[in-house]
Amino acid sequence: MTKTSIPYLLVLLRFLLAPTILLLAYGYRDSVRGLLIVLIVIGLLSDVFDGIIARRLGVSTTRLRRLDSQTDLIFWLSVGVSAYVLNPEVIRAHGYEVGLLFVSEGLCYAISFIKFGKETCTHAFLSKLWGVCLFIAFIALIGWGYAGVTFALAIYWGFFSQADVILILLLLPHWQNDIPSAYHAYLIRKGIPFKKSNWLNS
């Protein structure tokens, strides 16, 4: 194992955390809320640093970015299901909004597969901020059963970020990963060069 393997190991860690969080939530319920918070924090940190380290090491390949994107989806779905297991009444109270989120997420994938034959992998700025919103909302929900402002923000920012992803997909002339925003997709469509952030995009 070399240092260039570190980003892949961080992605693998997050992938393994997903079923671990699910099993703990189903098997131990309220007694593991604190442990689940720790595992979610670890998952978020792995997501933050896998890309940063990969860019620093010059190994931020399309393959790695695609693995990272799909692992993010699996991880947050697992956290969401665990939140439902621990607080079913709260999630049911927001069932309509949560259902629409799933529909809009599915629409992003459908558009990408229909247009490009591949899954979406934009890693857009608004999507990254949505990850932060989800983190805060799930920590509050799993840790304290709170689903007020933080939960509402996660839901409505999710709609906002997914609308941005849909616009990116519609504007892109060909499949690409790591598109900061719909505006940047428009620049790509027009052939106008721009500089990406070394911290947030490859």
N, C-alpha and C. Protein backbone atom coordinates (compact mmCIF):
# COMPACT_ATOMS: atom_id res chain seq x y z
N MET A 1 0.85 -1.20 0.00
CA MET A 1 0.00 0.00 0.00
C MET A 1 0.88 1.25 0.00
N THR A 2 0.55 2.18 -0.87
CA THR A 2 1.28 3.43 -0.96
C THR A 2 0.37 4.58 -0.54
N LYS A 3 0.96 5.77 -0.43
CA LYS A 3 0.16 6.91 0.01
C LYS A 3 -0.91 7.27 -1.02
N THR A 4 -0.70 6.88 -2.28
CA THR A 4 -1.72 7.16 -3.30
C THR A 4 -2.98 6.32 -3.08
N SER A 5 -2.89 5.31 -2.22
CA SER A 5 -4.06 4.48 -1.91
C SER A 5 -4.96 5.13 -0.86
N ILE A 6 -4.47 6.15 -0.19
CA ILE A 6 -5.21 6.75 0.93
C ILE A 6 -6.61 7.22 0.51
N PRO A 7 -6.76 7.94 -0.60
CA PRO A 7 -8.12 8.36 -0.98
C PRO A 7 -9.07 7.19 -1.18
N TYR A 8 -8.58 6.11 -1.79
CA TYR A 8 -9.42 4.93 -2.00
C TYR A 8 -9.79 4.28 -0.67
N LEU A 9 -8.85 4.27 0.26
CA LEU A 9 -9.13 3.69 1.57
C LEU A 9 -10.16 4.51 2.33
N LEU A 10 -10.12 5.83 2.17
CA LEU A 10 -11.11 6.68 2.82
C LEU A 10 -12.50 6.45 2.23
N VAL A 11 -12.58 6.27 0.91
CA VAL A 11 -13.85 5.94 0.28
C VAL A 11 -14.34 4.58 0.77
N LEU A 12 -13.44 3.61 0.86
CA LEU A 12 -13.80 2.28 1.36
C LEU A 12 -14.30 2.36 2.80
N LEU A 13 -13.64 3.16 3.61
CA LEU A 13 -14.06 3.34 5.00
C LEU A 13 -15.50 3.83 5.06
N ARG A 14 -15.83 4.83 4.26
CA ARG A 14 -17.19 5.37 4.25
C ARG A 14 -18.19 4.33 3.76
N PHE A 15 -17.78 3.54 2.77
CA PHE A 15 -18.65 2.48 2.26
C PHE A 15 -18.94 1.44 3.35
N LEU A 16 -17.94 1.09 4.14
CA LEU A 16 -18.12 0.10 5.21
C LEU A 16 -18.88 0.68 6.40
N LEU A 17 -18.78 1.97 6.60
CA LEU A 17 -19.52 2.61 7.68
C LEU A 17 -21.03 2.55 7.43
N ALA A 18 -21.43 2.56 6.16
CA ALA A 18 -22.86 2.57 5.83
C ALA A 18 -23.60 1.36 6.42
N PRO A 19 -23.20 0.11 6.12
CA PRO A 19 -23.90 -1.03 6.72
C PRO A 19 -23.69 -1.12 8.23
N THR A 20 -22.53 -0.65 8.70
CA THR A 20 -22.27 -0.68 10.15
C THR A 20 -23.28 0.19 10.89
N ILE A 21 -23.51 1.39 10.38
CA ILE A 21 -24.48 2.30 10.99
C ILE A 21 -25.88 1.70 10.96
N LEU A 22 -26.24 1.08 9.83
CA LEU A 22 -27.55 0.45 9.72
C LEU A 22 -27.73 -0.68 10.72
N LEU A 23 -26.74 -1.55 10.80
CA LEU A 23 -26.83 -2.70 11.70
C LEU A 23 -26.91 -2.26 13.16
N LEU A 24 -26.14 -1.26 13.53
CA LEU A 24 -26.18 -0.76 14.90
C LEU A 24 -27.54 -0.15 15.22
N ALA A 25 -28.08 0.62 14.27
CA ALA A 25 -29.38 1.25 14.50
C ALA A 25 -30.48 0.20 14.65
N TYR A 26 -30.48 -0.80 13.79
CA TYR A 26 -31.49 -1.85 13.86
C TYR A 26 -31.31 -2.74 15.09
N GLY A 27 -30.05 -3.04 15.43
CA GLY A 27 -29.80 -4.00 16.49
C GLY A 27 -29.86 -3.43 17.89
N TYR A 28 -29.49 -2.17 18.05
CA TYR A 28 -29.33 -1.63 19.40
C TYR A 28 -30.16 -0.37 19.68
N ARG A 29 -30.75 0.19 18.66
CA ARG A 29 -31.66 1.33 18.81
C ARG A 29 -31.07 2.47 19.65
N ASP A 30 -31.81 2.91 20.64
CA ASP A 30 -31.46 4.12 21.40
C ASP A 30 -30.11 4.03 22.11
N SER A 31 -29.66 2.81 22.42
CA SER A 31 -28.43 2.67 23.20
C SER A 31 -27.18 3.04 22.41
N VAL A 32 -27.28 3.19 21.09
CA VAL A 32 -26.09 3.48 20.30
C VAL A 32 -26.15 4.84 19.61
N ARG A 33 -27.05 5.70 20.05
CA ARG A 33 -27.15 7.00 19.40
C ARG A 33 -25.82 7.77 19.43
N GLY A 34 -25.14 7.76 20.55
CA GLY A 34 -23.86 8.45 20.65
C GLY A 34 -22.82 7.86 19.71
N LEU A 35 -22.77 6.54 19.64
CA LEU A 35 -21.81 5.88 18.75
C LEU A 35 -22.12 6.19 17.29
N LEU A 36 -23.40 6.22 16.95
CA LEU A 36 -23.78 6.55 15.57
C LEU A 36 -23.31 7.96 15.19
N ILE A 37 -23.43 8.89 16.11
CA ILE A 37 -22.95 10.25 15.84
C ILE A 37 -21.46 10.24 15.53
N VAL A 38 -20.69 9.49 16.32
CA VAL A 38 -19.24 9.40 16.10
C VAL A 38 -18.96 8.83 14.71
N LEU A 39 -19.68 7.79 14.32
CA LEU A 39 -19.45 7.15 13.02
C LEU A 39 -19.85 8.09 11.87
N ILE A 40 -20.91 8.85 12.06
CA ILE A 40 -21.32 9.81 11.03
C ILE A 40 -20.27 10.91 10.87
N VAL A 41 -19.71 11.37 11.98
CA VAL A 41 -18.62 12.37 11.92
C VAL A 41 -17.43 11.81 11.17
N ILE A 42 -17.06 10.57 11.46
CA ILE A 42 -15.95 9.93 10.76
C ILE A 42 -16.24 9.84 9.27
N GLY A 43 -17.48 9.47 8.94
CA GLY A 43 -17.87 9.39 7.54
C GLY A 43 -17.75 10.72 6.83
N LEU A 44 -18.21 11.79 7.48
CA LEU A 44 -18.12 13.11 6.88
C LEU A 44 -16.66 13.52 6.68
N LEU A 45 -15.82 13.28 7.67
CA LEU A 45 -14.40 13.64 7.56
C LEU A 45 -13.73 12.87 6.43
N SER A 46 -14.09 11.59 6.28
CA SER A 46 -13.51 10.81 5.18
C SER A 46 -13.92 11.39 3.83
N ASP A 47 -15.14 11.91 3.77
CA ASP A 47 -15.63 12.51 2.53
C ASP A 47 -14.91 13.81 2.23
N VAL A 48 -14.63 14.58 3.26
CA VAL A 48 -13.92 15.85 3.08
C VAL A 48 -12.49 15.62 2.61
N PHE A 49 -11.82 14.67 3.25
CA PHE A 49 -10.38 14.54 3.02
C PHE A 49 -10.01 13.62 1.86
N ASP A 50 -10.91 12.74 1.42
CA ASP A 50 -10.51 11.88 0.31
C ASP A 50 -10.23 12.70 -0.95
N GLY A 51 -11.10 13.68 -1.22
CA GLY A 51 -10.88 14.51 -2.40
C GLY A 51 -9.68 15.43 -2.26
N ILE A 52 -9.53 16.04 -1.08
CA ILE A 52 -8.40 16.94 -0.86
C ILE A 52 -7.08 16.20 -1.01
N ILE A 53 -6.99 15.03 -0.37
CA ILE A 53 -5.76 14.24 -0.45
C ILE A 53 -5.50 13.77 -1.88
N ALA A 54 -6.56 13.33 -2.55
CA ALA A 54 -6.39 12.86 -3.93
C ALA A 54 -5.85 13.97 -4.83
N ARG A 55 -6.36 15.18 -4.65
CA ARG A 55 -5.88 16.29 -5.48
C ARG A 55 -4.43 16.64 -5.13
N ARG A 56 -4.10 16.59 -3.85
CA ARG A 56 -2.73 16.89 -3.44
C ARG A 56 -1.74 15.85 -4.00
N LEU A 57 -2.20 14.59 -4.08
CA LEU A 57 -1.33 13.51 -4.55
C LEU A 57 -1.40 13.34 -6.07
N GLY A 58 -2.27 14.09 -6.72
CA GLY A 58 -2.39 13.99 -8.17
C GLY A 58 -3.05 12.72 -8.65
N VAL A 59 -3.95 12.14 -7.81
CA VAL A 59 -4.62 10.88 -8.19
C VAL A 59 -6.14 11.06 -8.23
N SER A 60 -6.58 12.28 -8.44
CA SER A 60 -8.02 12.53 -8.47
C SER A 60 -8.58 12.17 -9.85
N THR A 61 -8.69 10.88 -10.11
CA THR A 61 -9.13 10.39 -11.41
C THR A 61 -10.66 10.37 -11.49
N THR A 62 -11.15 10.24 -12.71
CA THR A 62 -12.60 10.11 -12.90
C THR A 62 -13.13 8.89 -12.18
N ARG A 63 -12.39 7.80 -12.21
CA ARG A 63 -12.82 6.57 -11.53
C ARG A 63 -12.99 6.81 -10.03
N LEU A 64 -12.02 7.47 -9.42
CA LEU A 64 -12.10 7.76 -8.00
C LEU A 64 -13.28 8.68 -7.68
N ARG A 65 -13.48 9.69 -8.52
CA ARG A 65 -14.57 10.63 -8.27
C ARG A 65 -15.93 9.95 -8.39
N ARG A 66 -16.06 9.00 -9.34
CA ARG A 66 -17.30 8.27 -9.48
C ARG A 66 -17.54 7.36 -8.27
N LEU A 67 -16.48 6.70 -7.82
CA LEU A 67 -16.60 5.87 -6.62
C LEU A 67 -17.00 6.71 -5.41
N ASP A 68 -16.39 7.86 -5.29
CA ASP A 68 -16.68 8.77 -4.18
C ASP A 68 -18.14 9.21 -4.21
N SER A 69 -18.64 9.57 -5.39
CA SER A 69 -20.00 10.06 -5.52
C SER A 69 -21.03 9.00 -5.15
N GLN A 70 -20.84 7.78 -5.66
CA GLN A 70 -21.80 6.72 -5.37
C GLN A 70 -21.70 6.24 -3.92
N THR A 71 -20.51 6.29 -3.36
CA THR A 71 -20.35 5.94 -1.95
C THR A 71 -21.04 6.96 -1.06
N ASP A 72 -20.98 8.23 -1.44
CA ASP A 72 -21.71 9.28 -0.71
C ASP A 72 -23.20 8.95 -0.66
N LEU A 73 -23.74 8.56 -1.82
CA LEU A 73 -25.16 8.23 -1.89
C LEU A 73 -25.51 7.08 -0.95
N ILE A 74 -24.70 6.03 -0.98
CA ILE A 74 -24.94 4.87 -0.12
C ILE A 74 -24.83 5.25 1.35
N PHE A 75 -23.81 6.03 1.68
CA PHE A 75 -23.59 6.42 3.07
C PHE A 75 -24.76 7.23 3.62
N TRP A 76 -25.18 8.27 2.89
CA TRP A 76 -26.25 9.13 3.41
C TRP A 76 -27.60 8.43 3.39
N LEU A 77 -27.82 7.51 2.46
CA LEU A 77 -29.04 6.71 2.50
C LEU A 77 -29.08 5.84 3.75
N SER A 78 -27.94 5.26 4.08
CA SER A 78 -27.86 4.43 5.28
C SER A 78 -28.10 5.25 6.54
N VAL A 79 -27.52 6.45 6.58
CA VAL A 79 -27.75 7.33 7.73
C VAL A 79 -29.22 7.72 7.81
N GLY A 80 -29.82 8.02 6.65
CA GLY A 80 -31.22 8.38 6.63
C GLY A 80 -32.14 7.26 7.10
N VAL A 81 -31.87 6.05 6.64
CA VAL A 81 -32.66 4.89 7.09
C VAL A 81 -32.49 4.68 8.59
N SER A 82 -31.28 4.85 9.07
CA SER A 82 -31.02 4.70 10.51
C SER A 82 -31.78 5.76 11.31
N ALA A 83 -31.83 6.97 10.78
CA ALA A 83 -32.60 8.03 11.44
C ALA A 83 -34.07 7.65 11.50
N TYR A 84 -34.56 7.02 10.44
CA TYR A 84 -35.96 6.58 10.43
C TYR A 84 -36.20 5.48 11.46
N VAL A 85 -35.26 4.55 11.56
CA VAL A 85 -35.38 3.45 12.53
C VAL A 85 -35.48 4.00 13.95
N LEU A 86 -34.69 5.03 14.23
CA LEU A 86 -34.65 5.58 15.58
C LEU A 86 -35.76 6.59 15.85
N ASN A 87 -36.25 7.25 14.78
CA ASN A 87 -37.27 8.30 14.95
C ASN A 87 -38.34 8.18 13.86
N PRO A 88 -39.04 7.05 13.77
CA PRO A 88 -39.98 6.85 12.66
C PRO A 88 -41.09 7.88 12.60
N GLU A 89 -41.57 8.31 13.76
CA GLU A 89 -42.69 9.25 13.77
C GLU A 89 -42.30 10.60 13.19
N VAL A 90 -41.04 11.01 13.40
CA VAL A 90 -40.56 12.29 12.87
C VAL A 90 -40.47 12.24 11.35
N ILE A 91 -39.89 11.16 10.83
CA ILE A 91 -39.75 11.03 9.38
C ILE A 91 -41.12 10.93 8.71
N ARG A 92 -42.04 10.18 9.32
CA ARG A 92 -43.38 10.05 8.74
C ARG A 92 -44.09 11.38 8.69
N ALA A 93 -43.83 12.23 9.67
CA ALA A 93 -44.47 13.55 9.70
C ALA A 93 -44.01 14.42 8.53
N HIS A 94 -42.85 14.10 7.95
CA HIS A 94 -42.32 14.83 6.80
C HIS A 94 -42.25 13.92 5.58
N GLY A 95 -43.13 12.92 5.54
CA GLY A 95 -43.07 11.91 4.49
C GLY A 95 -43.20 12.47 3.09
N TYR A 96 -44.07 13.45 2.90
CA TYR A 96 -44.29 14.03 1.57
C TYR A 96 -43.01 14.68 1.05
N GLU A 97 -42.37 15.50 1.89
CA GLU A 97 -41.15 16.19 1.47
C GLU A 97 -40.01 15.21 1.22
N VAL A 98 -39.88 14.22 2.11
CA VAL A 98 -38.82 13.22 1.94
C VAL A 98 -39.05 12.43 0.66
N GLY A 99 -40.30 12.08 0.38
CA GLY A 99 -40.61 11.37 -0.85
C GLY A 99 -40.25 12.16 -2.09
N LEU A 100 -40.54 13.47 -2.07
CA LEU A 100 -40.19 14.33 -3.20
C LEU A 100 -38.68 14.43 -3.39
N LEU A 101 -37.95 14.40 -2.26
CA LEU A 101 -36.49 14.41 -2.36
C LEU A 101 -35.98 13.18 -3.10
N PHE A 102 -36.54 12.02 -2.77
CA PHE A 102 -36.15 10.79 -3.45
C PHE A 102 -36.49 10.86 -4.94
N VAL A 103 -37.65 11.42 -5.25
CA VAL A 103 -38.05 11.56 -6.65
C VAL A 103 -37.09 12.47 -7.41
N SER A 104 -36.73 13.60 -6.80
CA SER A 104 -35.83 14.54 -7.47
C SER A 104 -34.43 13.95 -7.62
N GLU A 105 -33.99 13.18 -6.62
CA GLU A 105 -32.69 12.50 -6.73
C GLU A 105 -32.73 11.48 -7.87
N GLY A 106 -33.83 10.73 -7.93
CA GLY A 106 -33.97 9.76 -9.02
C GLY A 106 -34.01 10.43 -10.37
N LEU A 107 -34.62 11.62 -10.44
CA LEU A 107 -34.68 12.36 -11.69
C LEU A 107 -33.29 12.77 -12.16
N CYS A 108 -32.43 13.16 -11.22
CA CYS A 108 -31.05 13.51 -11.57
C CYS A 108 -30.35 12.33 -12.23
N TYR A 109 -30.51 11.15 -11.63
CA TYR A 109 -29.87 9.95 -12.19
C TYR A 109 -30.48 9.58 -13.53
N ALA A 110 -31.81 9.70 -13.64
CA ALA A 110 -32.48 9.34 -14.89
C ALA A 110 -32.01 10.22 -16.04
N ILE A 111 -31.94 11.52 -15.80
CA ILE A 111 -31.49 12.45 -16.85
C ILE A 111 -30.06 12.12 -17.27
N SER A 112 -29.20 11.85 -16.28
CA SER A 112 -27.80 11.56 -16.58
C SER A 112 -27.67 10.27 -17.39
N PHE A 113 -28.40 9.23 -17.01
CA PHE A 113 -28.30 7.97 -17.73
C PHE A 113 -28.89 8.09 -19.14
N ILE A 114 -30.01 8.80 -19.25
CA ILE A 114 -30.63 8.96 -20.57
C ILE A 114 -29.74 9.78 -21.50
N LYS A 115 -29.16 10.84 -20.99
CA LYS A 115 -28.37 11.73 -21.84
C LYS A 115 -26.95 11.23 -22.09
N PHE A 116 -26.32 10.66 -21.03
CA PHE A 116 -24.90 10.30 -21.13
C PHE A 116 -24.61 8.81 -20.98
N GLY A 117 -25.58 8.05 -20.49
CA GLY A 117 -25.33 6.63 -20.25
C GLY A 117 -24.50 6.36 -19.02
N LYS A 118 -24.38 7.37 -18.15
CA LYS A 118 -23.61 7.25 -16.91
C LYS A 118 -24.36 7.95 -15.79
N GLU A 119 -23.98 7.59 -14.56
CA GLU A 119 -24.57 8.25 -13.41
C GLU A 119 -24.05 9.67 -13.26
N THR A 120 -24.79 10.48 -12.53
CA THR A 120 -24.33 11.84 -12.27
C THR A 120 -23.17 11.85 -11.29
N CYS A 121 -22.24 12.78 -11.51
CA CYS A 121 -21.04 12.86 -10.66
C CYS A 121 -20.54 14.31 -10.66
N THR A 122 -21.44 15.25 -10.36
CA THR A 122 -21.09 16.66 -10.50
C THR A 122 -20.26 17.21 -9.35
N HIS A 123 -20.47 16.72 -8.13
CA HIS A 123 -19.80 17.28 -6.96
C HIS A 123 -19.93 18.80 -6.92
N ALA A 124 -21.11 19.29 -7.22
CA ALA A 124 -21.34 20.73 -7.29
C ALA A 124 -21.26 21.38 -5.91
N PHE A 125 -21.01 22.69 -5.89
CA PHE A 125 -20.90 23.43 -4.63
C PHE A 125 -22.17 23.29 -3.78
N LEU A 126 -23.33 23.46 -4.43
CA LEU A 126 -24.59 23.39 -3.67
C LEU A 126 -24.82 22.00 -3.11
N SER A 127 -24.36 20.98 -3.83
CA SER A 127 -24.49 19.61 -3.34
C SER A 127 -23.58 19.38 -2.14
N LYS A 128 -22.40 19.98 -2.17
CA LYS A 128 -21.50 19.86 -1.03
C LYS A 128 -22.11 20.53 0.20
N LEU A 129 -22.73 21.68 0.00
CA LEU A 129 -23.40 22.35 1.11
C LEU A 129 -24.59 21.53 1.61
N TRP A 130 -25.25 20.83 0.70
CA TRP A 130 -26.34 19.96 1.12
C TRP A 130 -25.83 18.85 2.02
N GLY A 131 -24.64 18.33 1.70
CA GLY A 131 -24.03 17.31 2.57
C GLY A 131 -23.84 17.83 3.98
N VAL A 132 -23.44 19.10 4.10
CA VAL A 132 -23.28 19.71 5.43
C VAL A 132 -24.64 19.82 6.12
N CYS A 133 -25.66 20.24 5.35
CA CYS A 133 -27.02 20.35 5.92
C CYS A 133 -27.52 18.99 6.40
N LEU A 134 -27.29 17.94 5.59
CA LEU A 134 -27.70 16.60 5.98
C LEU A 134 -26.98 16.16 7.25
N PHE A 135 -25.69 16.45 7.31
CA PHE A 135 -24.91 16.09 8.49
C PHE A 135 -25.50 16.71 9.75
N ILE A 136 -25.76 18.01 9.72
CA ILE A 136 -26.30 18.70 10.88
C ILE A 136 -27.69 18.16 11.24
N ALA A 137 -28.52 17.97 10.21
CA ALA A 137 -29.88 17.49 10.45
C ALA A 137 -29.90 16.09 11.06
N PHE A 138 -29.06 15.20 10.54
CA PHE A 138 -29.05 13.83 11.05
C PHE A 138 -28.42 13.74 12.44
N ILE A 139 -27.43 14.57 12.70
CA ILE A 139 -26.84 14.59 14.04
C ILE A 139 -27.91 15.03 15.06
N ALA A 140 -28.66 16.08 14.71
CA ALA A 140 -29.70 16.56 15.61
C ALA A 140 -30.81 15.52 15.78
N LEU A 141 -31.16 14.85 14.68
CA LEU A 141 -32.26 13.88 14.72
C LEU A 141 -31.85 12.60 15.45
N ILE A 142 -30.71 12.07 15.10
CA ILE A 142 -30.26 10.82 15.73
C ILE A 142 -29.83 11.06 17.17
N GLY A 143 -29.15 12.17 17.40
CA GLY A 143 -28.66 12.43 18.75
C GLY A 143 -29.72 12.86 19.73
N TRP A 144 -30.65 13.72 19.29
CA TRP A 144 -31.61 14.31 20.23
C TRP A 144 -33.06 14.24 19.78
N GLY A 145 -33.31 13.59 18.65
CA GLY A 145 -34.68 13.49 18.15
C GLY A 145 -35.25 14.81 17.69
N TYR A 146 -34.38 15.77 17.36
CA TYR A 146 -34.82 17.10 16.95
C TYR A 146 -34.96 17.16 15.43
N ALA A 147 -36.10 17.64 14.97
CA ALA A 147 -36.33 17.74 13.52
C ALA A 147 -36.97 19.08 13.17
N GLY A 148 -36.45 20.13 13.74
CA GLY A 148 -36.99 21.46 13.49
C GLY A 148 -36.33 22.14 12.31
N VAL A 149 -35.68 23.26 12.59
CA VAL A 149 -35.07 24.08 11.54
C VAL A 149 -34.01 23.31 10.76
N THR A 150 -33.20 22.52 11.43
CA THR A 150 -32.11 21.81 10.75
C THR A 150 -32.66 20.81 9.74
N PHE A 151 -33.73 20.12 10.12
CA PHE A 151 -34.32 19.12 9.22
C PHE A 151 -34.98 19.80 8.02
N ALA A 152 -35.69 20.88 8.27
CA ALA A 152 -36.34 21.63 7.19
C ALA A 152 -35.30 22.19 6.23
N LEU A 153 -34.20 22.72 6.77
CA LEU A 153 -33.14 23.27 5.92
C LEU A 153 -32.55 22.19 5.02
N ALA A 154 -32.33 20.99 5.59
CA ALA A 154 -31.77 19.89 4.80
C ALA A 154 -32.71 19.52 3.66
N ILE A 155 -34.00 19.49 3.92
CA ILE A 155 -34.97 19.12 2.89
C ILE A 155 -35.00 20.17 1.77
N TYR A 156 -35.16 21.43 2.14
CA TYR A 156 -35.33 22.45 1.11
C TYR A 156 -34.03 22.80 0.41
N TRP A 157 -32.91 22.69 1.10
CA TRP A 157 -31.63 22.87 0.40
C TRP A 157 -31.40 21.70 -0.55
N GLY A 158 -31.92 20.52 -0.20
CA GLY A 158 -31.83 19.37 -1.09
C GLY A 158 -32.52 19.64 -2.41
N PHE A 159 -33.73 20.21 -2.36
CA PHE A 159 -34.43 20.56 -3.60
C PHE A 159 -33.62 21.57 -4.41
N PHE A 160 -33.07 22.55 -3.73
CA PHE A 160 -32.28 23.61 -4.36
C PHE A 160 -31.06 23.03 -5.07
N SER A 161 -30.33 22.17 -4.36
CA SER A 161 -29.10 21.60 -4.92
C SER A 161 -29.41 20.63 -6.06
N GLN A 162 -30.50 19.89 -5.96
CA GLN A 162 -30.84 18.95 -7.03
C GLN A 162 -31.32 19.67 -8.28
N ALA A 163 -31.99 20.81 -8.10
CA ALA A 163 -32.35 21.63 -9.25
C ALA A 163 -31.09 22.10 -9.98
N ASP A 164 -30.07 22.46 -9.21
CA ASP A 164 -28.79 22.87 -9.79
C ASP A 164 -28.16 21.73 -10.57
N VAL A 165 -28.19 20.51 -10.01
CA VAL A 165 -27.63 19.34 -10.69
C VAL A 165 -28.38 19.07 -12.00
N ILE A 166 -29.71 19.17 -11.97
CA ILE A 166 -30.50 18.94 -13.18
C ILE A 166 -30.12 19.95 -14.26
N LEU A 167 -29.96 21.21 -13.87
CA LEU A 167 -29.54 22.23 -14.83
C LEU A 167 -28.15 21.93 -15.39
N ILE A 168 -27.25 21.49 -14.52
CA ILE A 168 -25.90 21.12 -14.97
C ILE A 168 -25.99 20.04 -16.04
N LEU A 169 -26.78 18.99 -15.76
CA LEU A 169 -26.89 17.87 -16.69
C LEU A 169 -27.51 18.30 -18.01
N LEU A 170 -28.49 19.18 -17.96
CA LEU A 170 -29.14 19.63 -19.19
C LEU A 170 -28.22 20.53 -20.02
N LEU A 171 -27.34 21.27 -19.34
CA LEU A 171 -26.47 22.20 -20.04
C LEU A 171 -25.20 21.54 -20.59
N LEU A 172 -24.71 20.53 -19.91
CA LEU A 172 -23.45 19.91 -20.33
C LEU A 172 -23.58 19.29 -21.72
N PRO A 173 -22.63 19.57 -22.60
CA PRO A 173 -22.66 18.95 -23.93
C PRO A 173 -22.20 17.50 -23.92
N HIS A 174 -21.42 17.13 -22.92
CA HIS A 174 -20.95 15.75 -22.77
C HIS A 174 -20.69 15.50 -21.28
N TRP A 175 -20.63 14.22 -20.91
CA TRP A 175 -20.50 13.86 -19.49
C TRP A 175 -19.15 14.33 -18.95
N GLN A 176 -19.20 14.95 -17.78
CA GLN A 176 -18.00 15.34 -17.05
C GLN A 176 -18.27 15.21 -15.55
N ASN A 177 -17.22 14.98 -14.81
CA ASN A 177 -17.34 15.00 -13.36
C ASN A 177 -16.81 16.33 -12.82
N ASP A 178 -17.23 16.64 -11.59
CA ASP A 178 -16.75 17.82 -10.88
C ASP A 178 -17.08 19.12 -11.61
N ILE A 179 -18.36 19.43 -11.70
CA ILE A 179 -18.82 20.68 -12.28
C ILE A 179 -19.34 21.56 -11.14
N PRO A 180 -18.72 22.68 -10.85
CA PRO A 180 -19.07 23.46 -9.66
C PRO A 180 -20.53 23.93 -9.59
N SER A 181 -21.12 24.30 -10.73
CA SER A 181 -22.48 24.84 -10.70
C SER A 181 -23.07 24.83 -12.10
N ALA A 182 -24.37 25.17 -12.20
CA ALA A 182 -25.01 25.28 -13.50
C ALA A 182 -24.35 26.38 -14.34
N TYR A 183 -23.92 27.45 -13.68
CA TYR A 183 -23.23 28.52 -14.39
C TYR A 183 -21.96 27.99 -15.06
N HIS A 184 -21.21 27.15 -14.36
CA HIS A 184 -19.99 26.59 -14.93
C HIS A 184 -20.30 25.61 -16.06
N ALA A 185 -21.43 24.89 -15.94
CA ALA A 185 -21.86 24.02 -17.04
C ALA A 185 -22.18 24.85 -18.28
N TYR A 186 -22.77 26.02 -18.06
CA TYR A 186 -23.05 26.93 -19.17
C TYR A 186 -21.74 27.39 -19.83
N LEU A 187 -20.73 27.70 -19.02
CA LEU A 187 -19.43 28.11 -19.56
C LEU A 187 -18.82 26.98 -20.40
N ILE A 188 -18.94 25.75 -19.91
CA ILE A 188 -18.42 24.61 -20.66
C ILE A 188 -19.16 24.48 -21.99
N ARG A 189 -20.46 24.63 -21.96
CA ARG A 189 -21.27 24.55 -23.17
C ARG A 189 -20.85 25.59 -24.21
N LYS A 190 -20.48 26.77 -23.71
CA LYS A 190 -20.07 27.86 -24.60
C LYS A 190 -18.57 27.82 -24.94
N GLY A 191 -17.84 26.87 -24.35
CA GLY A 191 -16.42 26.77 -24.61
C GLY A 191 -15.60 27.83 -23.93
N ILE A 192 -16.12 28.39 -22.83
CA ILE A 192 -15.42 29.45 -22.10
C ILE A 192 -14.63 28.82 -20.96
N PRO A 193 -13.32 28.96 -20.91
CA PRO A 193 -12.51 28.34 -19.85
C PRO A 193 -12.74 29.01 -18.50
N PHE A 194 -12.54 28.24 -17.44
CA PHE A 194 -12.62 28.78 -16.09
C PHE A 194 -11.73 27.94 -15.19
N LYS A 195 -11.37 28.49 -14.05
CA LYS A 195 -10.49 27.80 -13.12
C LYS A 195 -11.31 27.19 -11.98
N LYS A 196 -11.06 25.92 -11.69
CA LYS A 196 -11.75 25.25 -10.59
C LYS A 196 -10.97 25.44 -9.29
N SER A 197 -11.67 25.28 -8.19
CA SER A 197 -11.04 25.39 -6.88
C SER A 197 -10.18 24.16 -6.60
N ASN A 198 -8.96 24.39 -6.10
CA ASN A 198 -8.10 23.27 -5.74
C ASN A 198 -8.62 22.53 -4.51
N TRP A 199 -9.44 23.18 -3.71
CA TRP A 199 -9.97 22.57 -2.49
C TRP A 199 -11.26 21.82 -2.72
N LEU A 200 -12.09 22.32 -3.64
CA LEU A 200 -13.43 21.75 -3.77
C LEU A 200 -13.63 20.92 -5.02
N ASN A 201 -12.84 21.12 -6.03
CA ASN A 201 -12.99 20.36 -7.26
C ASN A 201 -11.62 20.05 -7.85
N SER A 202 -11.56 18.94 -8.58
CA SER A 202 -10.29 18.58 -9.20
C SER A 202 -10.04 19.43 -10.43
